[in-house]
Amino acid sequence: MDKQFPIVRVLIISYLAAYFILGIFLTGKVVPAALVLFLVLVLWFLLYKFRRKDLTNRELVTKMHADLKGMLEGTKERIAQEEASKRTAAEREVQARVERERRRTSRPSRDPAVSKYAEMIETRVRESEQAKRRSEGQ
């Protein structure tokens, strides 16, 4: 539905609302879904009929079918693209995880005695860098 026909939208929505309200009052429950589907199809047909007055009923139904088919194909393509992008993102994530794991395991192991002194030196270097940043920031 185009923005050219706001009155048609209002009529359709009010007609559906009246249909549900009438169904609820008469039966005490919501009208079965098949009847609502039938109503939507009839309204869709009437809307097409209103917008394309020069077409016969057969041409109109053919046009409606072609539009519906095009919309469904567009939706399928969009869903396929979204799934492909999700798949590639998941593959990148797995690849990054494997790369991190490989880098972690490929580090040379340190001798425990050397490791103790290396950690002390690294800690002191970090502390001095932090102290420098604090003094520069003040």
C-alpha atoms as a PDB file:
ATOM      1  CA  MET A   1       0.000   0.000   0.000  1.00  0.00           C
ATOM      2  CA  ASP A   2       1.368   3.377  -0.976  1.00  0.00           C
ATOM      3  CA  LYS A   3       1.344   6.539   1.051  1.00  0.00           C
ATOM      4  CA  GLN A   4      -1.003   7.934  -1.591  1.00  0.00           C
ATOM      5  CA  PHE A   5      -3.936   6.028  -0.065  1.00  0.00           C
ATOM      6  CA  PRO A   6      -4.023   6.764   3.677  1.00  0.00           C
ATOM      7  CA  ILE A   7      -7.825   6.625   3.661  1.00  0.00           C
ATOM      8  CA  VAL A   8      -7.730   3.097   2.268  1.00  0.00           C
ATOM      9  CA  ARG A   9      -5.413   2.026   5.085  1.00  0.00           C
ATOM     10  CA  VAL A  10      -7.721   3.521   7.678  1.00  0.00           C
ATOM     11  CA  LEU A  11     -10.703   1.783   6.094  1.00  0.00           C
ATOM     12  CA  ILE A  12      -8.945  -1.569   6.009  1.00  0.00           C
ATOM     13  CA  ILE A  13      -7.787  -1.334   9.606  1.00  0.00           C
ATOM     14  CA  SER A  14     -11.178  -0.197  10.849  1.00  0.00           C
ATOM     15  CA  TYR A  15     -12.890  -2.935   8.832  1.00  0.00           C
ATOM     16  CA  LEU A  16     -10.628  -5.610  10.340  1.00  0.00           C
ATOM     17  CA  ALA A  17     -11.127  -4.182  13.845  1.00  0.00           C
ATOM     18  CA  ALA A  18     -14.915  -4.134  13.364  1.00  0.00           C
ATOM     19  CA  TYR A  19     -14.747  -7.704  12.050  1.00  0.00           C
ATOM     20  CA  PHE A  20     -12.892  -8.911  15.143  1.00  0.00           C
ATOM     21  CA  ILE A  21     -15.128  -6.996  17.548  1.00  0.00           C
ATOM     22  CA  LEU A  22     -18.292  -8.262  15.848  1.00  0.00           C
ATOM     23  CA  GLY A  23     -16.928 -11.808  15.884  1.00  0.00           C
ATOM     24  CA  ILE A  24     -16.079 -11.563  19.558  1.00  0.00           C
ATOM     25  CA  PHE A  25     -19.531 -10.210  20.483  1.00  0.00           C
ATOM     26  CA  LEU A  26     -21.448 -12.764  18.395  1.00  0.00           C
ATOM     27  CA  THR A  27     -19.461 -15.904  19.201  1.00  0.00           C
ATOM     28  CA  GLY A  28     -17.742 -14.998  22.440  1.00  0.00           C
ATOM     29  CA  LYS A  29     -14.313 -15.794  20.970  1.00  0.00           C
ATOM     30  CA  VAL A  30     -12.049 -14.635  18.163  1.00  0.00           C
ATOM     31  CA  VAL A  31     -13.125 -15.509  14.637  1.00  0.00           C
ATOM     32  CA  PRO A  32     -11.221 -18.498  13.177  1.00  0.00           C
ATOM     33  CA  ALA A  33      -7.999 -17.685  11.374  1.00  0.00           C
ATOM     34  CA  ALA A  34      -9.234 -19.052   8.039  1.00  0.00           C
ATOM     35  CA  LEU A  35     -11.994 -16.472   7.918  1.00  0.00           C
ATOM     36  CA  VAL A  36      -9.544 -13.693   8.718  1.00  0.00           C
ATOM     37  CA  LEU A  37      -7.248 -14.923   5.949  1.00  0.00           C
ATOM     38  CA  PHE A  38     -10.179 -14.933   3.542  1.00  0.00           C
ATOM     39  CA  LEU A  39     -11.091 -11.402   4.617  1.00  0.00           C
ATOM     40  CA  VAL A  40      -7.530 -10.189   4.106  1.00  0.00           C
ATOM     41  CA  LEU A  41      -7.442 -11.718   0.632  1.00  0.00           C
ATOM     42  CA  VAL A  42     -10.752 -10.072  -0.285  1.00  0.00           C
ATOM     43  CA  LEU A  43      -9.545  -6.706   1.008  1.00  0.00           C
ATOM     44  CA  TRP A  44      -6.273  -7.125  -0.859  1.00  0.00           C
ATOM     45  CA  PHE A  45      -8.184  -7.861  -4.055  1.00  0.00           C
ATOM     46  CA  LEU A  46     -10.470  -4.856  -3.537  1.00  0.00           C
ATOM     47  CA  LEU A  47      -7.480  -2.611  -2.929  1.00  0.00           C
ATOM     48  CA  TYR A  48      -5.837  -3.786  -6.137  1.00  0.00           C
ATOM     49  CA  LYS A  49      -9.145  -3.322  -7.941  1.00  0.00           C
ATOM     50  CA  PHE A  50      -9.424   0.232  -6.596  1.00  0.00           C
ATOM     51  CA  ARG A  51      -5.850   1.121  -7.607  1.00  0.00           C
ATOM     52  CA  ARG A  52      -5.962  -0.536 -11.048  1.00  0.00           C
ATOM     53  CA  LYS A  53      -9.442   0.061 -12.376  1.00  0.00           C
ATOM     54  CA  ASP A  54      -8.478  -0.671 -15.989  1.00  0.00           C
ATOM     55  CA  LEU A  55      -7.584  -4.349 -15.377  1.00  0.00           C
ATOM     56  CA  THR A  56     -10.003  -7.251 -15.612  1.00  0.00           C
ATOM     57  CA  ASN A  57     -10.386  -9.663 -12.707  1.00  0.00           C
ATOM     58  CA  ARG A  58      -8.124 -12.285 -14.314  1.00  0.00           C
ATOM     59  CA  GLU A  59      -5.387  -9.724 -15.043  1.00  0.00           C
ATOM     60  CA  LEU A  60      -5.772  -8.371 -11.544  1.00  0.00           C
ATOM     61  CA  VAL A  61      -5.314 -11.792  -9.937  1.00  0.00           C
ATOM     62  CA  THR A  62      -2.302 -12.413 -12.199  1.00  0.00           C
ATOM     63  CA  LYS A  63      -0.788  -9.087 -11.117  1.00  0.00           C
ATOM     64  CA  MET A  64      -1.461  -9.893  -7.448  1.00  0.00           C
ATOM     65  CA  HIS A  65       0.199 -13.300  -7.869  1.00  0.00           C
ATOM     66  CA  ALA A  66       3.256 -11.774  -9.560  1.00  0.00           C
ATOM     67  CA  ASP A  67       3.593  -9.137  -6.828  1.00  0.00           C
ATOM     68  CA  LEU A  68       3.279 -11.737  -4.084  1.00  0.00           C
ATOM     69  CA  LYS A  69       5.791 -14.018  -5.777  1.00  0.00           C
ATOM     70  CA  GLY A  70       8.273 -11.142  -6.182  1.00  0.00           C
ATOM     71  CA  MET A  71       7.858 -10.157  -2.548  1.00  0.00           C
ATOM     72  CA  LEU A  72       8.432 -13.733  -1.363  1.00  0.00           C
ATOM     73  CA  GLU A  73      11.529 -14.115  -3.562  1.00  0.00           C
ATOM     74  CA  GLY A  74      12.911 -10.807  -2.233  1.00  0.00           C
ATOM     75  CA  THR A  75      12.302 -12.002   1.309  1.00  0.00           C
ATOM     76  CA  LYS A  76      14.044 -15.320   0.600  1.00  0.00           C
ATOM     77  CA  GLU A  77      17.054 -13.514  -0.882  1.00  0.00           C
ATOM     78  CA  ARG A  78      17.279 -11.155   2.093  1.00  0.00           C
ATOM     79  CA  ILE A  79      17.105 -14.079   4.536  1.00  0.00           C
ATOM     80  CA  ALA A  80      19.773 -15.963   2.562  1.00  0.00           C
ATOM     81  CA  GLN A  81      22.066 -12.905   2.658  1.00  0.00           C
ATOM     82  CA  GLU A  82      21.553 -12.512   6.405  1.00  0.00           C
ATOM     83  CA  GLU A  83      22.332 -16.185   6.986  1.00  0.00           C
ATOM     84  CA  ALA A  84      25.454 -15.934   4.817  1.00  0.00           C
ATOM     85  CA  SER A  85      26.686 -12.911   6.747  1.00  0.00           C
ATOM     86  CA  LYS A  86      26.023 -14.702  10.060  1.00  0.00           C
ATOM     87  CA  ARG A  87      27.897 -17.746   8.789  1.00  0.00           C
ATOM     88  CA  THR A  88      30.918 -15.693   7.710  1.00  0.00           C
ATOM     89  CA  ALA A  89      30.943 -13.851  11.044  1.00  0.00           C
ATOM     90  CA  ALA A  90      30.870 -17.186  12.885  1.00  0.00           C
ATOM     91  CA  GLU A  91      33.688 -18.515  10.702  1.00  0.00           C
ATOM     92  CA  ARG A  92      35.770 -15.402  11.413  1.00  0.00           C
ATOM     93  CA  GLU A  93      35.141 -15.819  15.133  1.00  0.00           C
ATOM     94  CA  VAL A  94      36.236 -19.455  15.038  1.00  0.00           C
ATOM     95  CA  GLN A  95      39.285 -18.533  12.964  1.00  0.00           C
ATOM     96  CA  ALA A  96      40.241 -15.765  15.419  1.00  0.00           C
ATOM     97  CA  ARG A  97      39.800 -18.141  18.358  1.00  0.00           C
ATOM     98  CA  VAL A  98      41.990 -20.773  16.675  1.00  0.00           C
ATOM     99  CA  GLU A  99      44.612 -18.119  15.913  1.00  0.00           C
ATOM    100  CA  ARG A 100      44.622 -16.899  19.543  1.00  0.00           C
ATOM    101  CA  GLU A 101      44.922 -20.458  20.786  1.00  0.00           C
ATOM    102  CA  ARG A 102      47.773 -21.151  18.380  1.00  0.00           C
ATOM    103  CA  ARG A 103      49.626 -17.999  19.474  1.00  0.00           C
ATOM    104  CA  ARG A 104      49.093 -18.889  23.120  1.00  0.00           C
ATOM    105  CA  THR A 105      50.429 -22.423  22.703  1.00  0.00           C
ATOM    106  CA  SER A 106      53.332 -21.422  20.448  1.00  0.00           C
ATOM    107  CA  ARG A 107      54.937 -19.138  23.082  1.00  0.00           C
ATOM    108  CA  PRO A 108      58.227 -20.516  24.326  1.00  0.00           C
ATOM    109  CA  SER A 109      58.015 -21.869  27.832  1.00  0.00           C
ATOM    110  CA  ARG A 110      60.188 -20.140  30.411  1.00  0.00           C
ATOM    111  CA  ASP A 111      62.459 -21.648  32.945  1.00  0.00           C
ATOM    112  CA  PRO A 112      60.747 -21.259  36.374  1.00  0.00           C
ATOM    113  CA  ALA A 113      63.754 -19.505  37.919  1.00  0.00           C
ATOM    114  CA  VAL A 114      64.118 -17.105  35.008  1.00  0.00           C
ATOM    115  CA  SER A 115      60.373 -16.667  34.881  1.00  0.00           C
ATOM    116  CA  LYS A 116      60.287 -15.421  38.493  1.00  0.00           C
ATOM    117  CA  TYR A 117      62.853 -12.683  37.807  1.00  0.00           C
ATOM    118  CA  ALA A 118      61.310 -11.815  34.447  1.00  0.00           C
ATOM    119  CA  GLU A 119      57.929 -11.291  36.107  1.00  0.00           C
ATOM    120  CA  MET A 120      59.511  -9.035  38.747  1.00  0.00           C
ATOM    121  CA  ILE A 121      61.202  -6.955  36.057  1.00  0.00           C
ATOM    122  CA  GLU A 122      58.002  -6.708  34.006  1.00  0.00           C
ATOM    123  CA  THR A 123      56.058  -5.628  37.105  1.00  0.00           C
ATOM    124  CA  ARG A 124      58.591  -2.916  37.936  1.00  0.00           C
ATOM    125  CA  VAL A 125      58.590  -1.666  34.336  1.00  0.00           C
ATOM    126  CA  ARG A 126      54.784  -1.468  34.352  1.00  0.00           C
ATOM    127  CA  GLU A 127      54.803   0.357  37.692  1.00  0.00           C
ATOM    128  CA  SER A 128      57.368   2.888  36.475  1.00  0.00           C
ATOM    129  CA  GLU A 129      55.348   3.480  33.273  1.00  0.00           C
ATOM    130  CA  GLN A 130      52.213   4.046  35.349  1.00  0.00           C
ATOM    131  CA  ALA A 131      54.068   6.440  37.625  1.00  0.00           C
ATOM    132  CA  LYS A 132      55.324   8.358  34.566  1.00  0.00           C
ATOM    133  CA  ARG A 133      51.773   8.627  33.200  1.00  0.00           C
ATOM    134  CA  ARG A 134      50.489   9.858  36.555  1.00  0.00           C
ATOM    135  CA  SER A 135      53.181  12.497  36.822  1.00  0.00           C
ATOM    136  CA  GLU A 136      52.567  13.662  33.234  1.00  0.00           C
ATOM    137  CA  GLY A 137      48.816  13.830  33.851  1.00  0.00           C
ATOM    138  CA  GLN A 138      49.228  16.078  36.911  1.00  0.00           C
END
